[in-house]
Amino acid sequence: MLMRKKILSYRFSRKKSKAYPSMIESIFVYPLDETVMVFLLENGVYGKPTVYCVPDEIPVKLFQDLTIPLESVFR
């Protein structure tokens, strides 16, 4: 069961470009559940979250080559 209280969040934004007209990535971390939810804001609307858990790796949209391995996050 996911905790309802937001423990930690990050927002990554990118300036408008042709590839990403307006995108903000919000990452919510639930350390007790070892779960991460990623929301993308595209054109003013948040989509459905993508849920990750150990041993997944999270791709970061702001930096194309960056992934976050959850095993190292929740050690």
C-alpha atoms as a PDB file:
ATOM      1  CA  MET A   1       0.000   0.000   0.000  1.00  0.00           C
ATOM      2  CA  LEU A   2       1.407   3.387  -0.944  1.00  0.00           C
ATOM      3  CA  MET A   3       1.754   6.022   1.717  1.00  0.00           C
ATOM      4  CA  ARG A   4      -0.582   8.952   1.148  1.00  0.00           C
ATOM      5  CA  LYS A   5       1.879  11.487   2.557  1.00  0.00           C
ATOM      6  CA  LYS A   6       4.347  12.874   0.052  1.00  0.00           C
ATOM      7  CA  ILE A   7       7.794  12.139   1.483  1.00  0.00           C
ATOM      8  CA  LEU A   8      10.105  13.642  -1.097  1.00  0.00           C
ATOM      9  CA  SER A   9       9.625  15.162  -4.502  1.00  0.00           C
ATOM     10  CA  TYR A  10      11.740  16.684  -7.229  1.00  0.00           C
ATOM     11  CA  ARG A  11      10.673  18.734 -10.217  1.00  0.00           C
ATOM     12  CA  PHE A  12      12.784  18.843 -13.325  1.00  0.00           C
ATOM     13  CA  SER A  13      11.875  21.289 -16.021  1.00  0.00           C
ATOM     14  CA  ARG A  14      13.195  21.925 -19.471  1.00  0.00           C
ATOM     15  CA  LYS A  15      12.920  25.080 -21.500  1.00  0.00           C
ATOM     16  CA  LYS A  16      10.501  24.946 -24.394  1.00  0.00           C
ATOM     17  CA  SER A  17      11.894  23.355 -27.516  1.00  0.00           C
ATOM     18  CA  LYS A  18      10.517  21.566 -30.546  1.00  0.00           C
ATOM     19  CA  ALA A  19      11.177  18.153 -29.010  1.00  0.00           C
ATOM     20  CA  TYR A  20       9.679  19.069 -25.610  1.00  0.00           C
ATOM     21  CA  PRO A  21       7.292  22.032 -25.988  1.00  0.00           C
ATOM     22  CA  SER A  22       6.566  22.236 -22.262  1.00  0.00           C
ATOM     23  CA  MET A  23       7.462  19.326 -20.037  1.00  0.00           C
ATOM     24  CA  ILE A  24       7.935  19.069 -16.302  1.00  0.00           C
ATOM     25  CA  GLU A  25       8.811  15.798 -14.612  1.00  0.00           C
ATOM     26  CA  SER A  26       7.706  15.348 -10.999  1.00  0.00           C
ATOM     27  CA  ILE A  27       9.164  12.470  -9.009  1.00  0.00           C
ATOM     28  CA  PHE A  28       7.566  11.341  -5.748  1.00  0.00           C
ATOM     29  CA  VAL A  29       9.557   8.972  -3.540  1.00  0.00           C
ATOM     30  CA  TYR A  30       7.920   6.678  -0.963  1.00  0.00           C
ATOM     31  CA  PRO A  31      10.847   5.265   1.045  1.00  0.00           C
ATOM     32  CA  LEU A  32       8.824   2.954   3.306  1.00  0.00           C
ATOM     33  CA  ASP A  33       7.245   1.266   0.289  1.00  0.00           C
ATOM     34  CA  GLU A  34      10.454   1.513  -1.780  1.00  0.00           C
ATOM     35  CA  THR A  35       8.349   2.959  -4.575  1.00  0.00           C
ATOM     36  CA  VAL A  36       8.723   5.949  -6.899  1.00  0.00           C
ATOM     37  CA  MET A  37       5.963   7.617  -8.924  1.00  0.00           C
ATOM     38  CA  VAL A  38       6.881   9.783 -11.908  1.00  0.00           C
ATOM     39  CA  PHE A  39       4.399  12.278 -13.349  1.00  0.00           C
ATOM     40  CA  LEU A  40       4.949  14.142 -16.623  1.00  0.00           C
ATOM     41  CA  LEU A  41       3.320  17.515 -17.210  1.00  0.00           C
ATOM     42  CA  GLU A  42       2.811  17.935 -20.931  1.00  0.00           C
ATOM     43  CA  ASN A  43       1.063  20.999 -22.346  1.00  0.00           C
ATOM     44  CA  GLY A  44      -0.384  21.906 -18.943  1.00  0.00           C
ATOM     45  CA  VAL A  45      -1.823  18.478 -18.095  1.00  0.00           C
ATOM     46  CA  TYR A  46      -0.337  15.783 -15.851  1.00  0.00           C
ATOM     47  CA  GLY A  47      -0.618  12.287 -17.272  1.00  0.00           C
ATOM     48  CA  LYS A  48      -1.013   9.039 -15.387  1.00  0.00           C
ATOM     49  CA  PRO A  49       1.986   8.244 -13.186  1.00  0.00           C
ATOM     50  CA  THR A  50       4.572   5.657 -14.018  1.00  0.00           C
ATOM     51  CA  VAL A  51       5.307   3.575 -10.915  1.00  0.00           C
ATOM     52  CA  TYR A  52       8.761   2.101 -10.302  1.00  0.00           C
ATOM     53  CA  CYS A  53      10.010  -0.200  -7.559  1.00  0.00           C
ATOM     54  CA  VAL A  54      13.228  -2.115  -6.822  1.00  0.00           C
ATOM     55  CA  PRO A  55      15.025  -3.375  -9.041  1.00  0.00           C
ATOM     56  CA  ASP A  56      13.760  -0.902 -11.698  1.00  0.00           C
ATOM     57  CA  GLU A  57      15.805   1.958 -13.113  1.00  0.00           C
ATOM     58  CA  ILE A  58      14.144   5.335 -13.683  1.00  0.00           C
ATOM     59  CA  PRO A  59      14.974   7.148 -16.924  1.00  0.00           C
ATOM     60  CA  VAL A  60      15.244  10.918 -16.382  1.00  0.00           C
ATOM     61  CA  LYS A  61      13.699  12.845 -19.280  1.00  0.00           C
ATOM     62  CA  LEU A  62      15.746  15.995 -18.683  1.00  0.00           C
ATOM     63  CA  PHE A  63      19.030  14.131 -19.275  1.00  0.00           C
ATOM     64  CA  GLN A  64      18.648  11.497 -21.999  1.00  0.00           C
ATOM     65  CA  ASP A  65      21.513   9.259 -20.789  1.00  0.00           C
ATOM     66  CA  LEU A  66      20.686   9.400 -17.058  1.00  0.00           C
ATOM     67  CA  THR A  67      18.948   6.548 -15.258  1.00  0.00           C
ATOM     68  CA  ILE A  68      18.454   6.181 -11.504  1.00  0.00           C
ATOM     69  CA  PRO A  69      18.861   2.609 -10.203  1.00  0.00           C
ATOM     70  CA  LEU A  70      16.415   2.160  -7.331  1.00  0.00           C
ATOM     71  CA  GLU A  71      18.513  -0.540  -5.666  1.00  0.00           C
ATOM     72  CA  SER A  72      21.091   2.120  -4.793  1.00  0.00           C
ATOM     73  CA  VAL A  73      18.411   4.621  -3.699  1.00  0.00           C
ATOM     74  CA  PHE A  74      16.742   2.308  -1.180  1.00  0.00           C
ATOM     75  CA  ARG A  75      19.829   0.654   0.373  1.00  0.00           C
END
